[in-house]
C-alpha atoms as a PDB file:
ATOM      1  CA  MET A   1    -153.090  58.679   4.805  1.00  0.00           C
ATOM      2  CA  ARG A   2    -152.904  58.876   0.770  1.00  0.00           C
ATOM      3  CA  SER A   3    -150.609  61.944   1.361  1.00  0.00           C
ATOM      4  CA  LEU A   4    -147.957  59.297   3.371  1.00  0.00           C
ATOM      5  CA  ILE A   5    -147.754  56.840   0.428  1.00  0.00           C
ATOM      6  CA  PRO A   6    -146.011  58.875  -1.515  1.00  0.00           C
ATOM      7  CA  VAL A   7    -143.194  60.313   1.754  1.00  0.00           C
ATOM      8  CA  GLY A   8    -143.291  56.098   2.527  1.00  0.00           C
ATOM      9  CA  LEU A   9    -142.131  55.126  -0.757  1.00  0.00           C
ATOM     10  CA  ALA A  10    -139.532  57.595  -1.661  1.00  0.00           C
ATOM     11  CA  LEU A  11    -137.818  56.594   1.447  1.00  0.00           C
ATOM     12  CA  VAL A  12    -137.831  52.869   0.761  1.00  0.00           C
ATOM     13  CA  ALA A  13    -136.298  54.342  -2.529  1.00  0.00           C
ATOM     14  CA  ALA A  14    -133.772  56.391  -0.416  1.00  0.00           C
ATOM     15  CA  LEU A  15    -132.812  53.386   1.796  1.00  0.00           C
ATOM     16  CA  LEU A  16    -132.572  51.207  -1.144  1.00  0.00           C
ATOM     17  CA  PHE A  17    -130.645  53.095  -3.385  1.00  0.00           C
ATOM     18  CA  GLY A  18    -128.487  54.925  -0.734  1.00  0.00           C
ATOM     19  CA  GLN A  19    -126.964  52.257   0.143  1.00  0.00           C
ATOM     20  CA  SER A  20    -123.096  51.741  -0.452  1.00  0.00           C
ATOM     21  CA  ALA A  21    -122.540  48.557  -2.641  1.00  0.00           C
ATOM     22  CA  SER A  22    -123.264  45.346  -1.619  1.00  0.00           C
ATOM     23  CA  ASP A  23    -120.298  42.949  -0.535  1.00  0.00           C
ATOM     24  CA  PRO A  24    -119.534  40.079  -3.177  1.00  0.00           C
ATOM     25  CA  TRP A  25    -118.454  38.166   0.168  1.00  0.00           C
ATOM     26  CA  PRO A  26    -120.305  36.115   2.898  1.00  0.00           C
ATOM     27  CA  ASN A  27    -119.922  37.696   6.195  1.00  0.00           C
ATOM     28  CA  GLY A  28    -117.511  34.245   7.348  1.00  0.00           C
ATOM     29  CA  ALA A  29    -114.978  35.411   4.722  1.00  0.00           C
ATOM     30  CA  VAL A  30    -114.131  38.667   6.478  1.00  0.00           C
ATOM     31  CA  ILE A  31    -111.455  38.675   9.288  1.00  0.00           C
ATOM     32  CA  GLU A  32    -111.109  41.137  11.966  1.00  0.00           C
ATOM     33  CA  PRO A  33    -107.551  43.049  13.044  1.00  0.00           C
ATOM     34  CA  ALA A  34    -107.195  41.694  16.030  1.00  0.00           C
ATOM     35  CA  SER A  35    -107.827  38.259  14.596  1.00  0.00           C
ATOM     36  CA  PHE A  36    -105.863  38.393  11.999  1.00  0.00           C
ATOM     37  CA  ALA A  37    -102.803  39.651  14.369  1.00  0.00           C
ATOM     38  CA  ARG A  38    -102.708  36.880  16.025  1.00  0.00           C
ATOM     39  CA  GLN A  39    -102.717  34.516  13.079  1.00  0.00           C
ATOM     40  CA  LEU A  40     -99.809  35.801  11.736  1.00  0.00           C
ATOM     41  CA  GLU A  41     -97.694  35.866  15.238  1.00  0.00           C
ATOM     42  CA  SER A  42     -98.668  32.119  15.472  1.00  0.00           C
ATOM     43  CA  GLY A  43     -96.732  32.118  12.666  1.00  0.00           C
ATOM     44  CA  LYS A  44     -99.871  30.352  10.427  1.00  0.00           C
ATOM     45  CA  THR A  45     -99.152  32.379   7.667  1.00  0.00           C
ATOM     46  CA  PRO A  46    -101.853  32.920   4.437  1.00  0.00           C
ATOM     47  CA  ILE A  47    -101.012  35.012   1.233  1.00  0.00           C
ATOM     48  CA  VAL A  48    -101.489  38.317   2.311  1.00  0.00           C
ATOM     49  CA  ILE A  49    -101.945  40.704  -0.814  1.00  0.00           C
ATOM     50  CA  SER A  50    -102.281  44.592  -0.320  1.00  0.00           C
ATOM     51  CA  VAL A  51    -104.788  46.016  -3.139  1.00  0.00           C
ATOM     52  CA  ALA A  52    -104.001  49.456  -2.128  1.00  0.00           C
ATOM     53  CA  PHE A  53    -102.215  52.301  -3.816  1.00  0.00           C
ATOM     54  CA  PRO A  54     -98.222  52.076  -4.075  1.00  0.00           C
ATOM     55  CA  VAL A  55     -97.881  54.932  -2.188  1.00  0.00           C
ATOM     56  CA  LEU A  56     -99.056  53.448   1.152  1.00  0.00           C
ATOM     57  CA  TYR A  57     -97.598  50.034   0.708  1.00  0.00           C
ATOM     58  CA  ARG A  58     -94.745  51.838  -0.030  1.00  0.00           C
ATOM     59  CA  SER A  59     -94.805  52.956   3.239  1.00  0.00           C
ATOM     60  CA  LYS A  60     -95.323  50.794   5.367  1.00  0.00           C
ATOM     61  CA  HIS A  61     -97.540  47.494   5.142  1.00  0.00           C
ATOM     62  CA  ILE A  62     -98.460  44.344   7.065  1.00  0.00           C
ATOM     63  CA  VAL A  63     -95.737  41.830   7.180  1.00  0.00           C
ATOM     64  CA  HIS A  64     -95.619  39.890   4.173  1.00  0.00           C
ATOM     65  CA  ALA A  65     -97.823  41.111   2.184  1.00  0.00           C
ATOM     66  CA  VAL A  66     -97.687  41.300  -1.372  1.00  0.00           C
ATOM     67  CA  ASP A  67     -98.214  44.582  -3.409  1.00  0.00           C
ATOM     68  CA  ALA A  68    -100.950  43.876  -6.290  1.00  0.00           C
ATOM     69  CA  GLY A  69    -101.732  47.670  -6.500  1.00  0.00           C
ATOM     70  CA  PRO A  70    -104.893  49.186  -6.988  1.00  0.00           C
ATOM     71  CA  THR A  71    -107.806  46.793  -8.542  1.00  0.00           C
ATOM     72  CA  SER A  72    -109.861  49.636  -8.784  1.00  0.00           C
ATOM     73  CA  LYS A  73    -107.931  49.907 -11.959  1.00  0.00           C
ATOM     74  CA  PRO A  74    -106.916  47.579 -14.894  1.00  0.00           C
ATOM     75  CA  GLU A  75    -103.606  47.661 -14.561  1.00  0.00           C
ATOM     76  CA  GLY A  76    -103.863  46.605 -10.875  1.00  0.00           C
ATOM     77  CA  ILE A  77    -106.126  43.671 -11.822  1.00  0.00           C
ATOM     78  CA  GLU A  78    -103.752  42.758 -13.791  1.00  0.00           C
ATOM     79  CA  ALA A  79    -101.166  42.713 -10.897  1.00  0.00           C
ATOM     80  CA  LEU A  80    -103.451  40.912  -9.046  1.00  0.00           C
ATOM     81  CA  LYS A  81    -103.760  38.465 -11.549  1.00  0.00           C
ATOM     82  CA  LYS A  82     -99.771  37.888 -11.792  1.00  0.00           C
ATOM     83  CA  ALA A  83     -99.489  37.933  -8.106  1.00  0.00           C
ATOM     84  CA  VAL A  84    -101.666  34.725  -8.021  1.00  0.00           C
ATOM     85  CA  ALA A  85    -100.907  32.992 -10.996  1.00  0.00           C
ATOM     86  CA  SER A  86     -98.643  30.196  -9.159  1.00  0.00           C
ATOM     87  CA  LEU A  87    -100.478  29.953  -6.610  1.00  0.00           C
ATOM     88  CA  SER A  88    -103.217  26.434  -5.939  1.00  0.00           C
ATOM     89  CA  LYS A  89    -106.593  27.670  -6.000  1.00  0.00           C
ATOM     90  CA  ASP A  90    -107.501  26.488  -2.174  1.00  0.00           C
ATOM     91  CA  ALA A  91    -104.107  28.573  -0.883  1.00  0.00           C
ATOM     92  CA  ASP A  92    -105.291  30.899   1.947  1.00  0.00           C
ATOM     93  CA  ILE A  93    -105.401  34.288   0.503  1.00  0.00           C
ATOM     94  CA  VAL A  94    -106.210  37.694   2.791  1.00  0.00           C
ATOM     95  CA  ILE A  95    -106.716  41.194   1.103  1.00  0.00           C
ATOM     96  CA  TYR A  96    -106.550  44.132   2.165  1.00  0.00           C
ATOM     97  CA  CYS A  97    -106.597  47.411   0.825  1.00  0.00           C
ATOM     98  CA  GLY A  98    -107.005  50.628   4.000  1.00  0.00           C
ATOM     99  CA  CYS A  99    -106.772  53.288   2.110  1.00  0.00           C
ATOM    100  CA  CYS A 100    -110.103  54.791   3.299  1.00  0.00           C
ATOM    101  CA  PRO A 101    -113.218  53.200   5.549  1.00  0.00           C
ATOM    102  CA  MET A 102    -113.374  49.280   3.579  1.00  0.00           C
ATOM    103  CA  GLU A 103    -117.428  50.311   2.847  1.00  0.00           C
ATOM    104  CA  LYS A 104    -116.176  53.081   0.472  1.00  0.00           C
ATOM    105  CA  CYS A 105    -113.080  51.025  -0.829  1.00  0.00           C
ATOM    106  CA  PRO A 106    -112.314  51.218  -4.705  1.00  0.00           C
ATOM    107  CA  ASN A 107    -110.178  48.066  -4.232  1.00  0.00           C
ATOM    108  CA  ILE A 108    -111.223  45.485  -2.235  1.00  0.00           C
ATOM    109  CA  ARG A 109    -114.536  44.500  -3.793  1.00  0.00           C
ATOM    110  CA  PRO A 110    -113.105  44.028  -7.516  1.00  0.00           C
ATOM    111  CA  ALA A 111    -110.164  42.458  -5.692  1.00  0.00           C
ATOM    112  CA  TYR A 112    -112.517  39.898  -4.609  1.00  0.00           C
ATOM    113  CA  ARG A 113    -114.190  39.524  -7.344  1.00  0.00           C
ATOM    114  CA  THR A 114    -111.029  38.762  -8.896  1.00  0.00           C
ATOM    115  CA  LEU A 115    -109.872  36.144  -7.141  1.00  0.00           C
ATOM    116  CA  LYS A 116    -113.529  34.127  -7.240  1.00  0.00           C
ATOM    117  CA  GLU A 117    -113.911  34.553 -10.569  1.00  0.00           C
ATOM    118  CA  LEU A 118    -110.540  32.951 -11.135  1.00  0.00           C
ATOM    119  CA  GLY A 119    -110.982  29.904  -9.074  1.00  0.00           C
ATOM    120  CA  PHE A 120    -110.132  30.986  -5.695  1.00  0.00           C
ATOM    121  CA  THR A 121    -111.756  29.223  -2.961  1.00  0.00           C
ATOM    122  CA  ARG A 122    -110.164  30.374   0.119  1.00  0.00           C
ATOM    123  CA  VAL A 123    -109.702  34.467  -0.007  1.00  0.00           C
ATOM    124  CA  ARG A 124    -110.507  35.958   2.650  1.00  0.00           C
ATOM    125  CA  VAL A 125    -111.246  40.376   3.582  1.00  0.00           C
ATOM    126  CA  LEU A 126    -109.253  42.104   6.148  1.00  0.00           C
ATOM    127  CA  ASP A 127    -111.970  44.518   7.763  1.00  0.00           C
ATOM    128  CA  ILE A 128    -110.328  48.176   7.836  1.00  0.00           C
ATOM    129  CA  ALA A 129    -112.915  49.835   9.004  1.00  0.00           C
ATOM    130  CA  THR A 130    -110.886  52.910   9.419  1.00  0.00           C
ATOM    131  CA  ASN A 131    -107.731  52.848   7.254  1.00  0.00           C
ATOM    132  CA  MET A 132    -104.541  51.240   8.340  1.00  0.00           C
ATOM    133  CA  HIS A 133    -103.049  53.720  10.610  1.00  0.00           C
ATOM    134  CA  THR A 134    -106.626  53.189  12.923  1.00  0.00           C
ATOM    135  CA  ASP A 135    -107.184  49.929  12.629  1.00  0.00           C
ATOM    136  CA  TRP A 136    -103.727  48.243  12.098  1.00  0.00           C
ATOM    137  CA  PHE A 137    -100.624  50.728  12.344  1.00  0.00           C
ATOM    138  CA  SER A 138    -101.716  52.149  15.675  1.00  0.00           C
ATOM    139  CA  LYS A 139    -102.455  49.054  17.455  1.00  0.00           C
ATOM    140  CA  ASP A 140     -98.494  47.888  17.050  1.00  0.00           C
ATOM    141  CA  TYR A 141    -100.011  44.638  14.649  1.00  0.00           C
ATOM    142  CA  PRO A 142     -97.077  42.731  12.313  1.00  0.00           C
ATOM    143  CA  SER A 143     -96.464  45.390   9.725  1.00  0.00           C
ATOM    144  CA  GLU A 144     -93.132  46.187   8.184  1.00  0.00           C
ATOM    145  CA  ASN A 145     -92.168  49.963   6.560  1.00  0.00           C
ATOM    146  CA  GLY A 146     -91.474  49.414   2.911  1.00  0.00           C
ATOM    147  CA  PRO A 147     -88.811  50.638   0.317  1.00  0.00           C
ATOM    148  CA  ALA A 148     -89.603  54.452   1.177  1.00  0.00           C
ATOM    149  CA  GLY A 149     -89.284  53.842   4.994  1.00  0.00           C
ATOM    150  CA  ASN A 150     -86.605  51.707   6.578  1.00  0.00           C
ATOM    151  CA  SER A 151     -86.932  47.568   7.005  1.00  0.00           C
ATOM    152  CA  GLU A 152     -87.710  47.560  10.224  1.00  0.00           C
ATOM    153  CA  THR A 153     -90.604  44.781  11.485  1.00  0.00           C
ATOM    154  CA  LYS A 154     -93.017  45.218  14.349  1.00  0.00           C
END
């Protein structure tokens, strides 16, 4: 029995310390891609902010999205602050990245925290489980090519 205690403690420690960074948002602040696509198609368009790396935004992005750049870097945080400076604190905002699985994304958590610290009360996070191609573009959800692509909108 005594020999199992260290093994049990090691297992608990691995589970606790092996988890990804905790999400700063409540479950209710996460919106699924299909639901968000329906909202965009209905004409009830929130402020959509991409916090992805510029190359991703420039190739293709969610329709009407504003590019704030990667918020894992100080200049991205500043660009995000500038993008929302004129908005009401109760503006309906949806942020997304899509560079990689959301659980590993370096940009989405700093963006959410920054918006909440700035006093925004209606911030949602688009749940991009895999990446933008798999979870959004391949499903033909509302998107548009960026300056690097042509100007078609879907």
